C-alpha atoms as a PDB file:
ATOM      1  CA  MET A   1      20.466 -17.960  45.542  1.00  0.00           C
ATOM      2  CA  THR A   2      19.469 -18.680  41.958  1.00  0.00           C
ATOM      3  CA  ALA A   3      21.906 -20.758  39.939  1.00  0.00           C
ATOM      4  CA  ALA A   4      23.352 -19.253  36.749  1.00  0.00           C
ATOM      5  CA  PRO A   5      21.858 -20.704  33.546  1.00  0.00           C
ATOM      6  CA  THR A   6      23.889 -23.362  31.839  1.00  0.00           C
ATOM      7  CA  PRO A   7      25.093 -22.952  28.210  1.00  0.00           C
ATOM      8  CA  SER A   8      22.469 -25.440  27.033  1.00  0.00           C
ATOM      9  CA  GLU A   9      19.724 -23.402  28.714  1.00  0.00           C
ATOM     10  CA  LEU A  10      21.004 -20.221  27.067  1.00  0.00           C
ATOM     11  CA  GLU A  11      20.947 -21.886  23.634  1.00  0.00           C
ATOM     12  CA  ALA A  12      17.397 -23.110  24.245  1.00  0.00           C
ATOM     13  CA  ALA A  13      16.260 -19.624  25.241  1.00  0.00           C
ATOM     14  CA  ALA A  14      17.918 -18.088  22.181  1.00  0.00           C
ATOM     15  CA  SER A  15      16.104 -20.552  19.943  1.00  0.00           C
ATOM     16  CA  LEU A  16      12.785 -19.248  21.280  1.00  0.00           C
ATOM     17  CA  GLU A  17      13.536 -15.616  20.339  1.00  0.00           C
ATOM     18  CA  PRO A  18      12.019 -14.417  17.067  1.00  0.00           C
ATOM     19  CA  PRO A  19      14.588 -14.183  14.282  1.00  0.00           C
ATOM     20  CA  GLY A  20      15.508 -10.743  12.952  1.00  0.00           C
ATOM     21  CA  ARG A  21      13.427  -9.540  10.029  1.00  0.00           C
ATOM     22  CA  THR A  22      15.035  -8.750   6.702  1.00  0.00           C
ATOM     23  CA  PHE A  23      14.607  -5.298   5.196  1.00  0.00           C
ATOM     24  CA  ALA A  24      12.172  -6.627   2.582  1.00  0.00           C
ATOM     25  CA  ALA A  25      10.062  -8.327   5.256  1.00  0.00           C
ATOM     26  CA  ASP A  26      10.072  -5.158   7.321  1.00  0.00           C
ATOM     27  CA  VAL A  27       8.956  -3.085   4.327  1.00  0.00           C
ATOM     28  CA  TRP A  28       6.167  -5.539   3.542  1.00  0.00           C
ATOM     29  CA  ARG A  29       5.032  -5.537   7.191  1.00  0.00           C
ATOM     30  CA  ARG A  30       4.733  -1.746   7.263  1.00  0.00           C
ATOM     31  CA  PHE A  31       3.089  -1.633   3.856  1.00  0.00           C
ATOM     32  CA  ARG A  32       0.346  -4.143   4.609  1.00  0.00           C
ATOM     33  CA  ARG A  33      -0.428  -2.432   7.918  1.00  0.00           C
ATOM     34  CA  ALA A  34      -1.243   0.829   6.106  1.00  0.00           C
ATOM     35  CA  PRO A  35      -4.899   0.748   4.997  1.00  0.00           C
ATOM     36  CA  GLY A  36      -4.373   3.495   2.434  1.00  0.00           C
ATOM     37  CA  ALA A  37      -1.460   1.688   0.819  1.00  0.00           C
ATOM     38  CA  VAL A  38      -3.354  -1.591   0.602  1.00  0.00           C
ATOM     39  CA  THR A  39      -6.395   0.201  -0.814  1.00  0.00           C
ATOM     40  CA  GLY A  40      -4.262   1.893  -3.454  1.00  0.00           C
ATOM     41  CA  ALA A  41      -2.598  -1.377  -4.410  1.00  0.00           C
ATOM     42  CA  VAL A  42      -5.978  -3.111  -4.726  1.00  0.00           C
ATOM     43  CA  VAL A  43      -7.421  -0.303  -6.865  1.00  0.00           C
ATOM     44  CA  VAL A  44      -4.416  -0.252  -9.189  1.00  0.00           C
ATOM     45  CA  ALA A  45      -4.340  -4.052  -9.440  1.00  0.00           C
ATOM     46  CA  LEU A  46      -8.071  -4.167 -10.207  1.00  0.00           C
ATOM     47  CA  ILE A  47      -7.771  -1.589 -12.981  1.00  0.00           C
ATOM     48  CA  VAL A  48      -4.781  -3.414 -14.466  1.00  0.00           C
ATOM     49  CA  VAL A  49      -6.658  -6.729 -14.424  1.00  0.00           C
ATOM     50  CA  LEU A  50      -9.687  -5.122 -16.072  1.00  0.00           C
ATOM     51  CA  ALA A  51      -7.450  -3.597 -18.731  1.00  0.00           C
ATOM     52  CA  VAL A  52      -5.708  -6.893 -19.445  1.00  0.00           C
ATOM     53  CA  CYS A  53      -9.014  -8.778 -19.615  1.00  0.00           C
ATOM     54  CA  ALA A  54     -10.840  -6.043 -21.539  1.00  0.00           C
ATOM     55  CA  PRO A  55     -11.528  -8.197 -24.654  1.00  0.00           C
ATOM     56  CA  LEU A  56     -13.130 -10.851 -22.445  1.00  0.00           C
ATOM     57  CA  ILE A  57     -15.142  -8.498 -20.223  1.00  0.00           C
ATOM     58  CA  ALA A  58     -16.204  -5.724 -22.586  1.00  0.00           C
ATOM     59  CA  GLY A  59     -18.404  -7.944 -24.713  1.00  0.00           C
ATOM     60  CA  GLY A  60     -18.164  -5.639 -27.716  1.00  0.00           C
ATOM     61  CA  ASP A  61     -16.057  -3.437 -29.943  1.00  0.00           C
ATOM     62  CA  PRO A  62     -15.289  -0.057 -28.296  1.00  0.00           C
ATOM     63  CA  LEU A  63     -15.189   1.563 -31.728  1.00  0.00           C
ATOM     64  CA  ALA A  64     -18.438   0.074 -33.092  1.00  0.00           C
ATOM     65  CA  GLN A  65     -21.047   2.766 -33.800  1.00  0.00           C
ATOM     66  CA  ASN A  66     -24.826   2.545 -33.760  1.00  0.00           C
ATOM     67  CA  VAL A  67     -26.282   6.024 -34.156  1.00  0.00           C
ATOM     68  CA  ALA A  68     -29.811   4.684 -33.653  1.00  0.00           C
ATOM     69  CA  GLN A  69     -28.829   3.867 -30.026  1.00  0.00           C
ATOM     70  CA  GLY A  70     -26.915   7.079 -29.413  1.00  0.00           C
ATOM     71  CA  ALA A  71     -26.859   8.646 -25.924  1.00  0.00           C
ATOM     72  CA  GLN A  72     -28.746   5.783 -24.287  1.00  0.00           C
ATOM     73  CA  PRO A  73     -28.708   5.665 -20.446  1.00  0.00           C
ATOM     74  CA  PRO A  74     -27.150   2.752 -18.536  1.00  0.00           C
ATOM     75  CA  SER A  75     -29.070  -0.487 -18.964  1.00  0.00           C
ATOM     76  CA  GLY A  76     -28.642  -4.232 -18.971  1.00  0.00           C
ATOM     77  CA  ALA A  77     -27.426  -4.114 -22.559  1.00  0.00           C
ATOM     78  CA  HIS A  78     -25.052  -1.186 -21.961  1.00  0.00           C
ATOM     79  CA  TRP A  79     -23.944  -1.023 -18.330  1.00  0.00           C
ATOM     80  CA  PHE A  80     -22.492   2.480 -18.625  1.00  0.00           C
ATOM     81  CA  GLY A  81     -24.800   3.644 -21.388  1.00  0.00           C
ATOM     82  CA  THR A  82     -23.765   4.782 -24.859  1.00  0.00           C
ATOM     83  CA  ASP A  83     -22.254   7.973 -26.242  1.00  0.00           C
ATOM     84  CA  LYS A  84     -23.762  10.140 -28.979  1.00  0.00           C
ATOM     85  CA  LEU A  85     -22.550   7.753 -31.694  1.00  0.00           C
ATOM     86  CA  GLY A  86     -24.005   4.710 -29.949  1.00  0.00           C
ATOM     87  CA  ARG A  87     -20.644   3.335 -28.809  1.00  0.00           C
ATOM     88  CA  ASP A  88     -20.712   1.288 -25.605  1.00  0.00           C
ATOM     89  CA  ILE A  89     -19.114   3.383 -22.854  1.00  0.00           C
ATOM     90  CA  PHE A  90     -18.333   0.359 -20.659  1.00  0.00           C
ATOM     91  CA  ALA A  91     -16.255  -1.199 -23.448  1.00  0.00           C
ATOM     92  CA  ARG A  92     -14.556   2.112 -24.125  1.00  0.00           C
ATOM     93  CA  ILE A  93     -13.700   2.539 -20.439  1.00  0.00           C
ATOM     94  CA  LEU A  94     -12.101  -0.913 -20.283  1.00  0.00           C
ATOM     95  CA  PHE A  95     -10.074  -0.486 -23.448  1.00  0.00           C
ATOM     96  CA  GLY A  96      -9.274   3.084 -22.455  1.00  0.00           C
ATOM     97  CA  ALA A  97      -7.667   1.745 -19.277  1.00  0.00           C
ATOM     98  CA  ARG A  98      -5.062   0.064 -21.475  1.00  0.00           C
ATOM     99  CA  ILE A  99      -4.214   3.374 -23.120  1.00  0.00           C
ATOM    100  CA  SER A 100      -4.145   5.348 -19.870  1.00  0.00           C
ATOM    101  CA  ILE A 101      -1.949   2.833 -18.052  1.00  0.00           C
ATOM    102  CA  ARG A 102       0.433   2.623 -20.994  1.00  0.00           C
ATOM    103  CA  ILE A 103       0.692   6.408 -21.165  1.00  0.00           C
ATOM    104  CA  GLY A 104       1.487   6.639 -17.454  1.00  0.00           C
ATOM    105  CA  PHE A 105       4.139   3.918 -17.417  1.00  0.00           C
ATOM    106  CA  VAL A 106       5.834   4.935 -20.668  1.00  0.00           C
ATOM    107  CA  ALA A 107       5.897   8.647 -19.807  1.00  0.00           C
ATOM    108  CA  VAL A 108       7.270   8.032 -16.313  1.00  0.00           C
ATOM    109  CA  GLY A 109       9.695   5.444 -17.686  1.00  0.00           C
ATOM    110  CA  LEU A 110      11.121   8.023 -20.075  1.00  0.00           C
ATOM    111  CA  ALA A 111      11.265  10.662 -17.334  1.00  0.00           C
ATOM    112  CA  ILE A 112      12.929   8.486 -14.700  1.00  0.00           C
ATOM    113  CA  THR A 113      15.472   7.061 -17.163  1.00  0.00           C
ATOM    114  CA  ALA A 114      16.580  10.425 -18.532  1.00  0.00           C
ATOM    115  CA  GLY A 115      16.321  12.165 -15.171  1.00  0.00           C
ATOM    116  CA  THR A 116      18.340   9.501 -13.355  1.00  0.00           C
ATOM    117  CA  VAL A 117      21.145   9.633 -15.925  1.00  0.00           C
ATOM    118  CA  ILE A 118      21.278  13.438 -15.729  1.00  0.00           C
ATOM    119  CA  GLY A 119      21.176  13.391 -11.929  1.00  0.00           C
ATOM    120  CA  LEU A 120      23.907  10.734 -11.700  1.00  0.00           C
ATOM    121  CA  VAL A 121      26.256  12.649 -13.979  1.00  0.00           C
ATOM    122  CA  ALA A 122      25.534  16.016 -12.370  1.00  0.00           C
ATOM    123  CA  GLY A 123      25.852  14.760  -8.807  1.00  0.00           C
ATOM    124  CA  TYR A 124      29.029  12.746  -9.379  1.00  0.00           C
ATOM    125  CA  ALA A 125      30.886  15.055 -11.786  1.00  0.00           C
ATOM    126  CA  GLY A 126      30.131  18.277  -9.905  1.00  0.00           C
ATOM    127  CA  LYS A 127      31.328  21.804 -10.728  1.00  0.00           C
ATOM    128  CA  ARG A 128      30.699  22.975 -14.302  1.00  0.00           C
ATOM    129  CA  VAL A 129      28.935  19.826 -15.468  1.00  0.00           C
ATOM    130  CA  GLU A 130      26.567  19.984 -12.514  1.00  0.00           C
ATOM    131  CA  ALA A 131      25.944  23.696 -13.001  1.00  0.00           C
ATOM    132  CA  GLY A 132      25.169  23.252 -16.702  1.00  0.00           C
ATOM    133  CA  LEU A 133      22.841  20.263 -16.336  1.00  0.00           C
ATOM    134  CA  MET A 134      20.985  21.580 -13.315  1.00  0.00           C
ATOM    135  CA  GLY A 135      20.703  24.997 -14.926  1.00  0.00           C
ATOM    136  CA  ALA A 136      18.906  23.395 -17.873  1.00  0.00           C
ATOM    137  CA  MET A 137      16.599  21.567 -15.457  1.00  0.00           C
ATOM    138  CA  ASP A 138      15.840  24.820 -13.632  1.00  0.00           C
ATOM    139  CA  VAL A 139      14.892  26.463 -16.919  1.00  0.00           C
ATOM    140  CA  MET A 140      12.423  23.654 -17.617  1.00  0.00           C
ATOM    141  CA  LEU A 141      10.995  23.935 -14.103  1.00  0.00           C
ATOM    142  CA  ALA A 142      10.410  27.640 -14.651  1.00  0.00           C
ATOM    143  CA  PHE A 143       7.543  26.751 -16.995  1.00  0.00           C
ATOM    144  CA  PRO A 144       4.259  25.312 -15.669  1.00  0.00           C
ATOM    145  CA  SER A 145       4.208  21.634 -16.592  1.00  0.00           C
ATOM    146  CA  ILE A 146       0.930  21.780 -18.501  1.00  0.00           C
ATOM    147  CA  ILE A 147       2.122  24.804 -20.539  1.00  0.00           C
ATOM    148  CA  LEU A 148       5.391  23.071 -21.414  1.00  0.00           C
ATOM    149  CA  ALA A 149       3.534  19.886 -22.364  1.00  0.00           C
ATOM    150  CA  ILE A 150       1.114  21.848 -24.543  1.00  0.00           C
ATOM    151  CA  GLY A 151       4.035  23.506 -26.303  1.00  0.00           C
ATOM    152  CA  ILE A 152       5.770  20.193 -26.994  1.00  0.00           C
ATOM    153  CA  THR A 153       2.642  18.450 -28.282  1.00  0.00           C
ATOM    154  CA  THR A 154       1.788  21.476 -30.427  1.00  0.00           C
ATOM    155  CA  ILE A 155       5.212  21.288 -32.064  1.00  0.00           C
ATOM    156  CA  LEU A 156       5.216  17.511 -32.488  1.00  0.00           C
ATOM    157  CA  GLY A 157       1.534  17.167 -33.352  1.00  0.00           C
ATOM    158  CA  PRO A 158      -1.343  15.476 -31.505  1.00  0.00           C
ATOM    159  CA  SER A 159      -0.939  11.716 -31.045  1.00  0.00           C
ATOM    160  CA  ILE A 160      -0.617   9.236 -28.196  1.00  0.00           C
ATOM    161  CA  ASN A 161       3.107   8.706 -28.847  1.00  0.00           C
ATOM    162  CA  ASN A 162       3.825  12.440 -28.853  1.00  0.00           C
ATOM    163  CA  LEU A 163       1.683  12.794 -25.741  1.00  0.00           C
ATOM    164  CA  MET A 164       3.779  10.222 -23.869  1.00  0.00           C
ATOM    165  CA  LEU A 165       6.983  11.896 -25.052  1.00  0.00           C
ATOM    166  CA  ALA A 166       5.776  15.345 -23.997  1.00  0.00           C
ATOM    167  CA  VAL A 167       4.694  14.234 -20.528  1.00  0.00           C
ATOM    168  CA  GLY A 168       7.953  12.331 -20.097  1.00  0.00           C
ATOM    169  CA  ILE A 169      10.060  15.365 -21.020  1.00  0.00           C
ATOM    170  CA  VAL A 170       8.106  17.618 -18.666  1.00  0.00           C
ATOM    171  CA  TYR A 171       8.903  15.454 -15.629  1.00  0.00           C
ATOM    172  CA  VAL A 172      12.593  14.816 -16.336  1.00  0.00           C
ATOM    173  CA  PRO A 173      13.738  17.688 -14.045  1.00  0.00           C
ATOM    174  CA  GLN A 174      11.967  16.216 -11.003  1.00  0.00           C
ATOM    175  CA  TYR A 175      13.843  12.932 -11.260  1.00  0.00           C
ATOM    176  CA  ALA A 176      17.103  14.653 -12.184  1.00  0.00           C
ATOM    177  CA  ARG A 177      17.025  16.830  -9.067  1.00  0.00           C
ATOM    178  CA  LEU A 178      16.037  13.906  -6.834  1.00  0.00           C
ATOM    179  CA  ALA A 179      18.779  11.685  -8.270  1.00  0.00           C
ATOM    180  CA  ARG A 180      21.387  14.442  -7.933  1.00  0.00           C
ATOM    181  CA  SER A 181      20.568  15.115  -4.276  1.00  0.00           C
ATOM    182  CA  SER A 182      20.774  11.395  -3.514  1.00  0.00           C
ATOM    183  CA  VAL A 183      24.088  11.031  -5.360  1.00  0.00           C
ATOM    184  CA  LEU A 184      25.601  13.934  -3.426  1.00  0.00           C
ATOM    185  CA  SER A 185      24.918  12.006  -0.215  1.00  0.00           C
ATOM    186  CA  VAL A 186      25.864   8.525  -1.397  1.00  0.00           C
ATOM    187  CA  LYS A 187      29.141   9.428  -3.124  1.00  0.00           C
ATOM    188  CA  GLU A 188      30.671  10.457   0.220  1.00  0.00           C
ATOM    189  CA  HIS A 189      30.244   6.989   1.724  1.00  0.00           C
ATOM    190  CA  GLU A 190      33.263   4.822   2.428  1.00  0.00           C
ATOM    191  CA  TYR A 191      32.484   2.123  -0.127  1.00  0.00           C
ATOM    192  CA  VAL A 192      32.388   4.699  -2.932  1.00  0.00           C
ATOM    193  CA  GLU A 193      35.655   6.213  -1.712  1.00  0.00           C
ATOM    194  CA  ALA A 194      37.182   2.723  -1.616  1.00  0.00           C
ATOM    195  CA  ALA A 195      36.080   1.968  -5.165  1.00  0.00           C
ATOM    196  CA  ARG A 196      37.519   5.273  -6.321  1.00  0.00           C
ATOM    197  CA  ALA A 197      40.779   4.589  -4.466  1.00  0.00           C
ATOM    198  CA  ILE A 198      41.368   1.258  -6.229  1.00  0.00           C
ATOM    199  CA  GLY A 199      40.938   2.947  -9.596  1.00  0.00           C
ATOM    200  CA  ALA A 200      37.430   1.875 -10.562  1.00  0.00           C
ATOM    201  CA  PRO A 201      36.128   3.927 -13.499  1.00  0.00           C
ATOM    202  CA  ALA A 202      33.344   6.419 -12.847  1.00  0.00           C
ATOM    203  CA  PRO A 203      30.696   4.547 -14.927  1.00  0.00           C
ATOM    204  CA  ALA A 204      31.358   1.363 -12.935  1.00  0.00           C
ATOM    205  CA  ILE A 205      31.121   3.210  -9.624  1.00  0.00           C
ATOM    206  CA  LEU A 206      27.860   4.830 -10.632  1.00  0.00           C
ATOM    207  CA  ALA A 207      26.344   1.584 -11.892  1.00  0.00           C
ATOM    208  CA  ARG A 208      27.515  -0.757  -9.108  1.00  0.00           C
ATOM    209  CA  HIS A 209      27.705   1.412  -5.998  1.00  0.00           C
ATOM    210  CA  VAL A 210      25.689   4.606  -6.449  1.00  0.00           C
ATOM    211  CA  LEU A 211      22.637   3.712  -8.538  1.00  0.00           C
ATOM    212  CA  PRO A 212      21.436   0.754  -6.393  1.00  0.00           C
ATOM    213  CA  ASN A 213      21.489   2.984  -3.312  1.00  0.00           C
ATOM    214  CA  ILE A 214      19.378   5.795  -4.785  1.00  0.00           C
ATOM    215  CA  LEU A 215      16.681   3.681  -6.440  1.00  0.00           C
ATOM    216  CA  ALA A 216      14.242   3.605  -3.501  1.00  0.00           C
ATOM    217  CA  PRO A 217      13.291   7.313  -3.521  1.00  0.00           C
ATOM    218  CA  LEU A 218      13.219   7.310  -7.322  1.00  0.00           C
ATOM    219  CA  LEU A 219      10.792   4.376  -7.419  1.00  0.00           C
ATOM    220  CA  VAL A 220       8.532   6.024  -4.860  1.00  0.00           C
ATOM    221  CA  GLN A 221       8.550   9.241  -6.879  1.00  0.00           C
ATOM    222  CA  ALA A 222       7.821   7.230 -10.024  1.00  0.00           C
ATOM    223  CA  THR A 223       4.749   5.662  -8.432  1.00  0.00           C
ATOM    224  CA  LEU A 224       3.446   9.078  -7.464  1.00  0.00           C
ATOM    225  CA  GLY A 225       4.522  10.439 -10.840  1.00  0.00           C
ATOM    226  CA  ILE A 226       2.334   7.980 -12.718  1.00  0.00           C
ATOM    227  CA  ALA A 227      -0.719   9.549 -11.106  1.00  0.00           C
ATOM    228  CA  THR A 228       0.400  13.033 -12.130  1.00  0.00           C
ATOM    229  CA  ALA A 229       1.261  11.832 -15.633  1.00  0.00           C
ATOM    230  CA  GLU A 230      -2.228  10.364 -15.984  1.00  0.00           C
ATOM    231  CA  LEU A 231      -3.757  13.735 -15.103  1.00  0.00           C
ATOM    232  CA  GLU A 232      -1.479  15.568 -17.521  1.00  0.00           C
ATOM    233  CA  ALA A 233      -2.269  13.109 -20.307  1.00  0.00           C
ATOM    234  CA  ALA A 234      -6.008  13.300 -19.688  1.00  0.00           C
ATOM    235  CA  GLY A 235      -5.833  17.097 -19.697  1.00  0.00           C
ATOM    236  CA  LEU A 236      -3.934  17.195 -22.969  1.00  0.00           C
ATOM    237  CA  SER A 237      -6.337  14.728 -24.572  1.00  0.00           C
ATOM    238  CA  TYR A 238      -9.254  16.805 -23.319  1.00  0.00           C
ATOM    239  CA  LEU A 239      -7.711  19.793 -25.090  1.00  0.00           C
ATOM    240  CA  GLY A 240      -7.397  17.772 -28.294  1.00  0.00           C
ATOM    241  CA  LEU A 241      -3.605  17.452 -28.093  1.00  0.00           C
ATOM    242  CA  GLY A 242      -3.397  13.774 -27.185  1.00  0.00           C
ATOM    243  CA  ALA A 243      -5.328  10.753 -28.355  1.00  0.00           C
ATOM    244  CA  ARG A 244      -7.229  11.304 -31.554  1.00  0.00           C
ATOM    245  CA  PRO A 245     -10.778  10.066 -32.247  1.00  0.00           C
ATOM    246  CA  PRO A 246     -11.992   7.379 -32.178  1.00  0.00           C
ATOM    247  CA  ALA A 247      -9.405   6.129 -29.650  1.00  0.00           C
ATOM    248  CA  PRO A 248     -11.144   5.331 -26.325  1.00  0.00           C
ATOM    249  CA  GLU A 249      -8.800   7.412 -24.169  1.00  0.00           C
ATOM    250  CA  TRP A 250     -10.464   8.732 -21.007  1.00  0.00           C
ATOM    251  CA  GLY A 251      -9.465  12.371 -21.495  1.00  0.00           C
ATOM    252  CA  ALA A 252     -10.624  12.292 -25.113  1.00  0.00           C
ATOM    253  CA  MET A 253     -13.918  10.768 -23.948  1.00  0.00           C
ATOM    254  CA  LEU A 254     -14.414  13.723 -21.612  1.00  0.00           C
ATOM    255  CA  ASN A 255     -13.778  16.100 -24.480  1.00  0.00           C
ATOM    256  CA  ASP A 256     -16.266  14.238 -26.662  1.00  0.00           C
ATOM    257  CA  ALA A 257     -18.967  14.245 -23.964  1.00  0.00           C
ATOM    258  CA  ARG A 258     -18.789  17.933 -23.042  1.00  0.00           C
ATOM    259  CA  ASP A 259     -21.153  18.933 -25.887  1.00  0.00           C
ATOM    260  CA  TYR A 260     -24.054  16.828 -24.619  1.00  0.00           C
ATOM    261  CA  TRP A 261     -23.308  16.227 -20.954  1.00  0.00           C
ATOM    262  CA  LEU A 262     -26.593  17.777 -19.808  1.00  0.00           C
ATOM    263  CA  SER A 263     -28.657  15.261 -21.799  1.00  0.00           C
ATOM    264  CA  ALA A 264     -26.287  12.319 -21.222  1.00  0.00           C
ATOM    265  CA  PRO A 265     -24.276  12.959 -18.033  1.00  0.00           C
ATOM    266  CA  TRP A 266     -23.149   9.317 -17.839  1.00  0.00           C
ATOM    267  CA  ALA A 267     -20.901   9.915 -20.854  1.00  0.00           C
ATOM    268  CA  LEU A 268     -18.978  12.404 -18.702  1.00  0.00           C
ATOM    269  CA  ILE A 269     -19.292  10.764 -15.285  1.00  0.00           C
ATOM    270  CA  PHE A 270     -17.813   7.341 -16.013  1.00  0.00           C
ATOM    271  CA  PRO A 271     -14.590   8.526 -17.709  1.00  0.00           C
ATOM    272  CA  GLY A 272     -14.151  11.113 -14.941  1.00  0.00           C
ATOM    273  CA  VAL A 273     -14.633   8.525 -12.207  1.00  0.00           C
ATOM    274  CA  SER A 274     -12.174   6.195 -13.970  1.00  0.00           C
ATOM    275  CA  ILE A 275      -9.482   8.884 -14.075  1.00  0.00           C
ATOM    276  CA  THR A 276     -10.116   9.732 -10.417  1.00  0.00           C
ATOM    277  CA  ALA A 277      -9.910   6.087  -9.339  1.00  0.00           C
ATOM    278  CA  LEU A 278      -6.650   5.445 -11.191  1.00  0.00           C
ATOM    279  CA  VAL A 279      -4.979   8.634  -9.947  1.00  0.00           C
ATOM    280  CA  LEU A 280      -6.161   8.044  -6.369  1.00  0.00           C
ATOM    281  CA  GLY A 281      -4.948   4.445  -6.474  1.00  0.00           C
ATOM    282  CA  PHE A 282      -1.430   5.406  -7.566  1.00  0.00           C
ATOM    283  CA  ASN A 283      -1.287   8.251  -5.044  1.00  0.00           C
ATOM    284  CA  LEU A 284      -2.245   5.959  -2.175  1.00  0.00           C
ATOM    285  CA  LEU A 285       0.184   3.305  -3.392  1.00  0.00           C
ATOM    286  CA  GLY A 286       3.003   5.839  -3.670  1.00  0.00           C
ATOM    287  CA  ASP A 287       2.336   7.231  -0.197  1.00  0.00           C
ATOM    288  CA  GLY A 288       2.364   3.716   1.225  1.00  0.00           C
ATOM    289  CA  LEU A 289       5.649   2.844  -0.482  1.00  0.00           C
ATOM    290  CA  ARG A 290       7.231   6.055   0.734  1.00  0.00           C
ATOM    291  CA  ASP A 291       6.338   5.284   4.345  1.00  0.00           C
ATOM    292  CA  ALA A 292       7.272   1.605   4.038  1.00  0.00           C
ATOM    293  CA  LEU A 293      10.709   2.372   2.591  1.00  0.00           C
ATOM    294  CA  ASP A 294      11.518   5.088   5.118  1.00  0.00           C
ATOM    295  CA  PRO A 295      14.399   3.699   7.225  1.00  0.00           C
ATOM    296  CA  LYS A 296      13.472   6.012  10.111  1.00  0.00           C
ATOM    297  CA  LEU A 297      10.274   4.015  10.649  1.00  0.00           C
ATOM    298  CA  ARG A 298      11.990   0.650  10.836  1.00  0.00           C
END
């Protein structure tokens, strides 16, 4: 008959068991095991580094013109060739990354801030307030996003700042609806009921108990939203409603190259590939974050 283990033996065995993982460690484990997520993170990080180091890497002024070297193919002197005005496309791509990334982050920042506030108020207040706010969001969603953005930029005038504002306004309803649905679930939890029972004011409850528990889906949507915002911004710039010449914005570069793309296809290819890479990177990163933060997969 086998003897029962002594308390010291039980303690020794327990010390050999792996400690429980924290939520952050579990998220990181799932994220780094997803090839698509890692690829997206690497692509986004690479583009950000290139944008930050653009003055050191570009080796020239993206706005400098040399008509005598216009529409030159890629070479050792100009890695991505030149456009019709002789401007170095490689330098313009690098500096354009700064503009594109800024547009995406600012536009989504505006959208998630306004949308979260609207969703918090609508979800927590309920009844008439909810009906009024969500009704306004439904009206905005009734319009195709690109049409609504075109209308806003037409009214405000073409510029990068107005472009970011227009794209941000267009995507407010998405974050408002997501925040509202999350608030409706969270506000029924016991800790929210307890805070309400002790007389905590509604703003304090929303800030301390509700908002921290709805941030995860909002951040995932924001990551995916940056990719969509980049496409919207590039489309508006291509239509002449965003960045104005000679700004090296990728959508504006596509618009500039459409008149001579048959004779100089590189002027169209490299901005298009840059937009595709940035959008794909954020999409893969957003998908990876969504799966990593899903509690059902823990």
